[in-house]
Amino acid sequence: MRIPTICEYCGGKVIYTDSTVIYGRSYGMIYLCTNCNAYVGVHKGTKKPLGTLANTVLRNKRKEAHQAFDALWKTRRLSRSEAYLWLSKQMHLPKHRTHIGYFNVVQCEQVIQICRNRKNEMEVA
């Protein structure tokens, strides 16, 4: 994962800063576009991004995808790692490229549909 320096949405400058600028209190460091406010968090204690920059639309879609995905793997009593392996097979992606923090809006929609379909299959069975 590369460190963002230029915003993919608007071409603005991306800075490394505390999340206080977004949330009003600190939840750790983020990469933030100084022009359009797209941002991504970082792994604690590192400068490694948790995914790719996301604007409001993508952040909301990723949250929705996470809700569907987390509900599915937790009810199936899988580890998160096992669930991502399952999802990688469903989406025909390599495991190292299968993470909601890297997904675009279309891929997030796929996650939501895959998880809903699986949940419905489990309820029928």
Foldseek 3Di string as FASTA:
>chain_A
DDQDQADPPPRAGWDWAACCVPVVDGPAIWIAGPPQGFIFHADPPDSHTPEHTDHPVLVVLLVLLCVLQVVQCVVVVHDPLVSLVVVCVVVVHPSVCRDSRHDGNVVSVVSNVVSVVVVVVVVVD
